[in-house]
C-alpha cells in the first residue's frame, strides 16, 4: 500500500488487482452450497408432489 501511493495514475492506465487466495476457496464453497441447496429443494418439491398426488386419490 505504501509503494502504491507513490505511483501516478494517468488516463487510460490499466490497474490489475488480484483476489486474495481465500476468495478462491469461498467461491468453491459457494458453488458447493448452491448445488446442495438446489438438489435439496428439488427433492423437497418431488416429495411434495408425490404426497399431494397420493392424498388426492
N, C-alpha and C. Protein backbone atom coordinates (compact mmCIF):
# COMPACT_ATOMS: atom_id res chain seq x y z
N UNK A 1 0.83 -1.18 0.00
CA UNK A 1 0.00 0.00 0.00
C UNK A 1 0.88 1.25 0.00
N UNK A 2 1.95 1.21 0.74
CA UNK A 2 2.83 2.38 0.78
C UNK A 2 3.50 2.62 -0.57
N UNK A 3 3.88 1.53 -1.25
CA UNK A 3 4.51 1.68 -2.56
C UNK A 3 3.51 2.18 -3.59
N UNK A 4 2.27 1.73 -3.49
CA UNK A 4 1.26 2.11 -4.47
C UNK A 4 0.94 3.60 -4.41
N UNK A 5 1.09 4.20 -3.27
CA UNK A 5 0.77 5.63 -3.16
C UNK A 5 1.79 6.50 -3.90
N UNK A 6 2.93 5.94 -4.27
CA UNK A 6 3.94 6.70 -4.98
C UNK A 6 3.77 6.71 -6.49
N UNK A 7 2.86 5.90 -7.03
CA UNK A 7 2.65 5.82 -8.47
C UNK A 7 1.55 6.79 -8.89
N UNK A 8 1.80 7.46 -10.00
CA UNK A 8 0.80 8.36 -10.56
C UNK A 8 -0.04 7.60 -11.58
N UNK A 9 -1.34 7.71 -11.46
CA UNK A 9 -2.24 7.10 -12.44
C UNK A 9 -2.58 8.15 -13.49
N UNK A 10 -2.58 7.70 -14.74
CA UNK A 10 -2.93 8.59 -15.85
C UNK A 10 -4.15 8.04 -16.56
N UNK A 11 -4.71 8.84 -17.42
CA UNK A 11 -5.85 8.42 -18.21
C UNK A 11 -5.47 7.21 -19.06
N UNK A 12 -6.34 6.24 -19.13
CA UNK A 12 -6.18 5.00 -19.91
C UNK A 12 -5.17 4.03 -19.31
N UNK A 13 -4.68 4.27 -18.10
CA UNK A 13 -3.84 3.29 -17.41
C UNK A 13 -4.70 2.13 -16.97
N UNK A 14 -4.12 0.94 -16.94
CA UNK A 14 -4.83 -0.25 -16.51
C UNK A 14 -4.22 -0.70 -15.20
N UNK A 15 -5.10 -0.98 -14.23
CA UNK A 15 -4.63 -1.44 -12.93
C UNK A 15 -5.22 -2.83 -12.68
N UNK A 16 -4.38 -3.75 -12.32
CA UNK A 16 -4.82 -5.11 -12.02
C UNK A 16 -4.70 -5.35 -10.52
N UNK A 17 -5.79 -5.83 -9.93
CA UNK A 17 -5.79 -6.15 -8.51
C UNK A 17 -6.23 -7.61 -8.39
N UNK A 18 -5.36 -8.44 -7.87
CA UNK A 18 -5.66 -9.87 -7.75
C UNK A 18 -6.49 -10.13 -6.50
N UNK A 19 -7.29 -11.20 -6.57
CA UNK A 19 -8.07 -11.63 -5.41
C UNK A 19 -7.13 -12.26 -4.37
N UNK A 20 -7.56 -12.20 -3.13
CA UNK A 20 -6.84 -12.93 -2.09
C UNK A 20 -7.09 -14.42 -2.30
N UNK A 21 -6.18 -15.25 -1.84
CA UNK A 21 -6.32 -16.70 -2.03
C UNK A 21 -7.57 -17.25 -1.36
N UNK A 22 -8.02 -16.62 -0.31
CA UNK A 22 -9.21 -17.08 0.40
C UNK A 22 -10.45 -16.95 -0.48
N UNK A 23 -10.44 -16.01 -1.40
CA UNK A 23 -11.60 -15.79 -2.27
C UNK A 23 -11.86 -17.02 -3.14
N UNK A 24 -10.81 -17.68 -3.61
CA UNK A 24 -10.99 -18.88 -4.42
C UNK A 24 -11.68 -19.98 -3.62
N UNK A 25 -11.32 -20.16 -2.36
CA UNK A 25 -11.97 -21.16 -1.52
C UNK A 25 -13.43 -20.77 -1.27
N UNK A 26 -13.66 -19.49 -1.07
CA UNK A 26 -15.02 -19.00 -0.84
C UNK A 26 -15.89 -19.28 -2.07
N UNK A 27 -15.36 -19.05 -3.26
CA UNK A 27 -16.10 -19.32 -4.49
C UNK A 27 -16.43 -20.81 -4.60
N UNK A 28 -15.49 -21.67 -4.27
CA UNK A 28 -15.73 -23.11 -4.32
C UNK A 28 -16.81 -23.52 -3.32
N UNK A 29 -16.71 -23.02 -2.10
CA UNK A 29 -17.71 -23.36 -1.10
C UNK A 29 -19.09 -22.83 -1.47
N UNK A 30 -19.15 -21.66 -2.07
CA UNK A 30 -20.42 -21.10 -2.52
C UNK A 30 -21.02 -21.97 -3.62
N UNK A 31 -20.20 -22.43 -4.54
CA UNK A 31 -20.67 -23.31 -5.61
C UNK A 31 -21.22 -24.61 -5.04
N UNK A 32 -20.51 -25.21 -4.10
CA UNK A 32 -20.97 -26.45 -3.48
C UNK A 32 -22.27 -26.22 -2.71
N UNK A 33 -22.35 -25.12 -1.98
CA UNK A 33 -23.54 -24.81 -1.20
C UNK A 33 -24.75 -24.59 -2.11
N UNK A 34 -24.57 -23.85 -3.20
CA UNK A 34 -25.68 -23.61 -4.12
C UNK A 34 -26.15 -24.89 -4.79
N UNK A 35 -25.22 -25.77 -5.13
CA UNK A 35 -25.58 -27.05 -5.73
C UNK A 35 -26.35 -27.91 -4.75
N UNK A 36 -25.90 -27.96 -3.51
CA UNK A 36 -26.60 -28.74 -2.48
C UNK A 36 -27.99 -28.18 -2.21
N UNK A 37 -28.12 -26.87 -2.17
CA UNK A 37 -29.42 -26.24 -1.92
C UNK A 37 -30.39 -26.53 -3.06
N UNK A 38 -29.91 -26.46 -4.29
CA UNK A 38 -30.76 -26.76 -5.44
C UNK A 38 -31.22 -28.21 -5.41
N UNK A 39 -30.32 -29.12 -5.10
CA UNK A 39 -30.66 -30.54 -5.01
C UNK A 39 -31.67 -30.78 -3.91
N UNK A 40 -31.47 -30.16 -2.77
CA UNK A 40 -32.39 -30.31 -1.65
C UNK A 40 -33.77 -29.77 -1.98
N UNK A 41 -33.81 -28.60 -2.60
CA UNK A 41 -35.10 -28.01 -2.97
C UNK A 41 -35.84 -28.84 -4.01
N UNK A 42 -35.10 -29.40 -4.95
CA UNK A 42 -35.72 -30.26 -5.96
C UNK A 42 -36.28 -31.52 -5.32
N UNK A 43 -35.53 -32.13 -4.41
CA UNK A 43 -36.01 -33.33 -3.72
C UNK A 43 -37.25 -33.02 -2.89
N UNK A 44 -37.28 -31.88 -2.22
CA UNK A 44 -38.45 -31.49 -1.43
C UNK A 44 -39.66 -31.27 -2.33
N UNK A 45 -39.46 -30.67 -3.48
CA UNK A 45 -40.57 -30.44 -4.41
C UNK A 45 -41.13 -31.76 -4.92
N UNK A 46 -40.27 -32.71 -5.22
CA UNK A 46 -40.72 -34.03 -5.69
C UNK A 46 -41.51 -34.72 -4.59
N UNK A 47 -41.03 -34.65 -3.37
CA UNK A 47 -41.75 -35.27 -2.25
C UNK A 47 -43.11 -34.62 -2.06
N UNK A 48 -43.17 -33.29 -2.18
CA UNK A 48 -44.44 -32.59 -2.03
C UNK A 48 -45.42 -32.97 -3.13
N UNK A 49 -44.94 -33.12 -4.35
CA UNK A 49 -45.81 -33.52 -5.46
C UNK A 49 -46.30 -34.94 -5.24
N UNK A 50 -45.42 -35.83 -4.83
CA UNK A 50 -45.83 -37.21 -4.58
C UNK A 50 -46.85 -37.29 -3.44
N UNK A 51 -46.66 -36.52 -2.39
CA UNK A 51 -47.58 -36.51 -1.27
C UNK A 51 -48.94 -35.95 -1.69
N UNK A 52 -48.92 -34.88 -2.47
CA UNK A 52 -50.16 -34.27 -2.93
C UNK A 52 -50.92 -35.22 -3.87
N UNK A 53 -50.19 -35.95 -4.69
CA UNK A 53 -50.81 -36.88 -5.63
C UNK A 53 -51.46 -38.04 -4.88
N UNK A 54 -50.80 -38.54 -3.85
CA UNK A 54 -51.34 -39.67 -3.07
C UNK A 54 -52.60 -39.27 -2.29
N UNK A 55 -52.63 -38.05 -1.78
CA UNK A 55 -53.78 -37.64 -0.97
C UNK A 55 -54.99 -37.31 -1.84
N UNK A 56 -54.80 -36.96 -3.10
CA UNK A 56 -55.92 -36.67 -3.98
C UNK A 56 -56.63 -37.92 -4.40
N UNK A 57 -55.98 -39.03 -4.49
CA UNK A 57 -56.60 -40.27 -4.96
C UNK A 57 -57.09 -41.00 -3.79
